[in-house]
């Protein structure tokens, strides 16, 4: 299996783990969405809390130029650390939700 296929599998495994965790409030569930053609991976939150509709993106990850770009991370612990724990080197992860100027000060790839 090549590196990108390995990363695809790691991303799917990590997001599916999050999708199985029951949400603490309301009638809300988490759904993993995988677009294999565009190499785009989402973790969506959906449902109702009291009378309020809940719908949004919790995690958005893209594979761009052989790197994992985290475009959105709404997790408590940080999805990047989950990816590192699963075997992805930090230099292959870009925190896309950070500005390019701020990325150079993180322990992850600048781009």
Protein backbone atom coordinates (compact mmCIF):
# COMPACT_ATOMS: atom_id res chain seq x y z
CA UNK A 1 0.00 0.00 0.00
CA UNK A 2 1.45 3.39 -0.93
CA UNK A 3 1.67 6.34 1.45
CA UNK A 4 -1.51 8.11 0.26
CA UNK A 5 -3.55 4.91 0.48
CA UNK A 6 -2.21 4.45 4.00
CA UNK A 7 -3.17 8.04 4.88
CA UNK A 8 -6.66 7.55 3.41
CA UNK A 9 -7.16 4.49 5.59
CA UNK A 10 -5.83 6.23 8.71
CA UNK A 11 -8.12 9.23 8.14
CA UNK A 12 -11.14 6.96 7.65
CA UNK A 13 -10.31 4.91 10.75
CA UNK A 14 -9.85 8.01 12.94
CA UNK A 15 -13.06 9.68 11.70
CA UNK A 16 -15.13 6.50 12.03
CA UNK A 17 -13.95 6.19 15.63
CA UNK A 18 -15.26 9.71 16.32
CA UNK A 19 -18.52 8.95 14.50
CA UNK A 20 -19.24 6.08 16.91
CA UNK A 21 -19.06 8.24 20.03
CA UNK A 22 -22.58 9.14 21.20
CA UNK A 23 -23.26 12.84 21.54
CA UNK A 24 -24.00 13.93 25.11
CA UNK A 25 -26.91 16.33 24.44
CA UNK A 26 -30.08 16.23 22.40
CA UNK A 27 -30.88 13.92 19.52
CA UNK A 28 -27.61 14.53 17.73
CA UNK A 29 -25.42 12.13 15.82
CA UNK A 30 -22.07 12.36 14.11
CA UNK A 31 -21.68 11.24 10.52
CA UNK A 32 -18.48 10.52 8.60
CA UNK A 33 -18.50 11.58 4.94
CA UNK A 34 -15.79 10.33 2.56
CA UNK A 35 -15.32 11.74 -0.96
CA UNK A 36 -12.69 9.39 -2.34
CA UNK A 37 -12.46 11.05 -5.76
CA UNK A 38 -11.67 14.50 -4.32
CA UNK A 39 -9.76 13.10 -1.29
CA UNK A 40 -12.03 15.06 1.04
CA UNK A 41 -13.08 13.69 4.43
CA UNK A 42 -15.67 15.25 6.75
CA UNK A 43 -17.12 14.64 10.15
CA UNK A 44 -20.59 16.19 10.30
CA UNK A 45 -22.80 16.80 13.32
CA UNK A 46 -26.57 16.58 12.74
CA UNK A 47 -29.79 16.54 14.69
CA UNK A 48 -31.81 18.53 17.19
CA UNK A 49 -31.13 19.91 20.61
CA UNK A 50 -34.48 20.91 22.12
CA UNK A 51 -36.12 22.96 19.33
CA UNK A 52 -32.84 23.97 17.72
CA UNK A 53 -31.58 22.33 14.53
CA UNK A 54 -27.92 21.31 14.70
CA UNK A 55 -25.98 20.89 11.47
CA UNK A 56 -22.32 21.60 10.88
CA UNK A 57 -18.87 20.41 10.04
CA UNK A 58 -16.83 19.18 13.00
CA UNK A 59 -13.76 18.04 11.02
CA UNK A 60 -12.71 18.69 7.41
CA UNK A 61 -9.59 17.00 6.03
CA UNK A 62 -8.23 17.11 2.46
CA UNK A 63 -5.31 15.28 0.88
CA UNK A 64 -3.40 17.89 -1.13
CA UNK A 65 0.04 17.40 -2.72
CA UNK A 66 0.78 14.26 -0.69
CA UNK A 67 -0.01 15.95 2.63
CA UNK A 68 -2.94 15.84 5.00
CA UNK A 69 -4.54 19.30 5.24
CA UNK A 70 -6.75 19.80 8.28
CA UNK A 71 -9.13 22.54 7.14
CA UNK A 72 -11.40 22.45 10.21
CA UNK A 73 -10.91 20.84 13.60
CA UNK A 74 -13.71 21.10 16.11
CA UNK A 75 -12.52 18.25 18.31
CA UNK A 76 -11.43 18.74 21.90
CA UNK A 77 -8.12 16.90 21.67
CA UNK A 78 -7.07 17.87 18.15
CA UNK A 79 -7.43 15.57 15.16
CA UNK A 80 -3.78 16.16 14.17
CA UNK A 81 -2.62 14.37 17.32
CA UNK A 82 -4.92 11.43 16.52
CA UNK A 83 -3.32 11.19 13.07
CA UNK A 84 0.19 11.33 14.56
CA UNK A 85 -0.72 8.59 17.07
CA UNK A 86 -1.91 6.49 14.10
CA UNK A 87 1.46 6.83 12.38
CA UNK A 88 1.37 10.01 10.26
CA UNK A 89 4.56 12.09 10.57
CA UNK A 90 3.97 15.66 11.73
CA UNK A 91 5.75 17.01 8.64
CA UNK A 92 2.99 15.47 6.48
CA UNK A 93 0.18 17.30 8.33
CA UNK A 94 -0.75 20.90 7.51
CA UNK A 95 -3.00 22.87 9.86
CA UNK A 96 -4.95 24.59 7.09
CA UNK A 97 -7.19 26.37 9.58
CA UNK A 98 -4.12 28.36 10.73
CA UNK A 99 -2.81 31.28 8.70
CA UNK A 100 0.35 30.60 6.66
CA UNK A 101 2.28 32.95 8.96
CA UNK A 102 1.17 31.01 12.06
CA UNK A 103 1.82 27.54 10.59
CA UNK A 104 5.57 28.05 10.72
CA UNK A 105 5.34 28.30 14.52
CA UNK A 106 3.58 24.94 14.93
CA UNK A 107 5.17 21.53 15.17
CA UNK A 108 3.44 20.56 11.90
CA UNK A 109 4.15 21.28 8.21
CA UNK A 110 3.89 24.88 6.99
CA UNK A 111 2.44 23.74 3.62
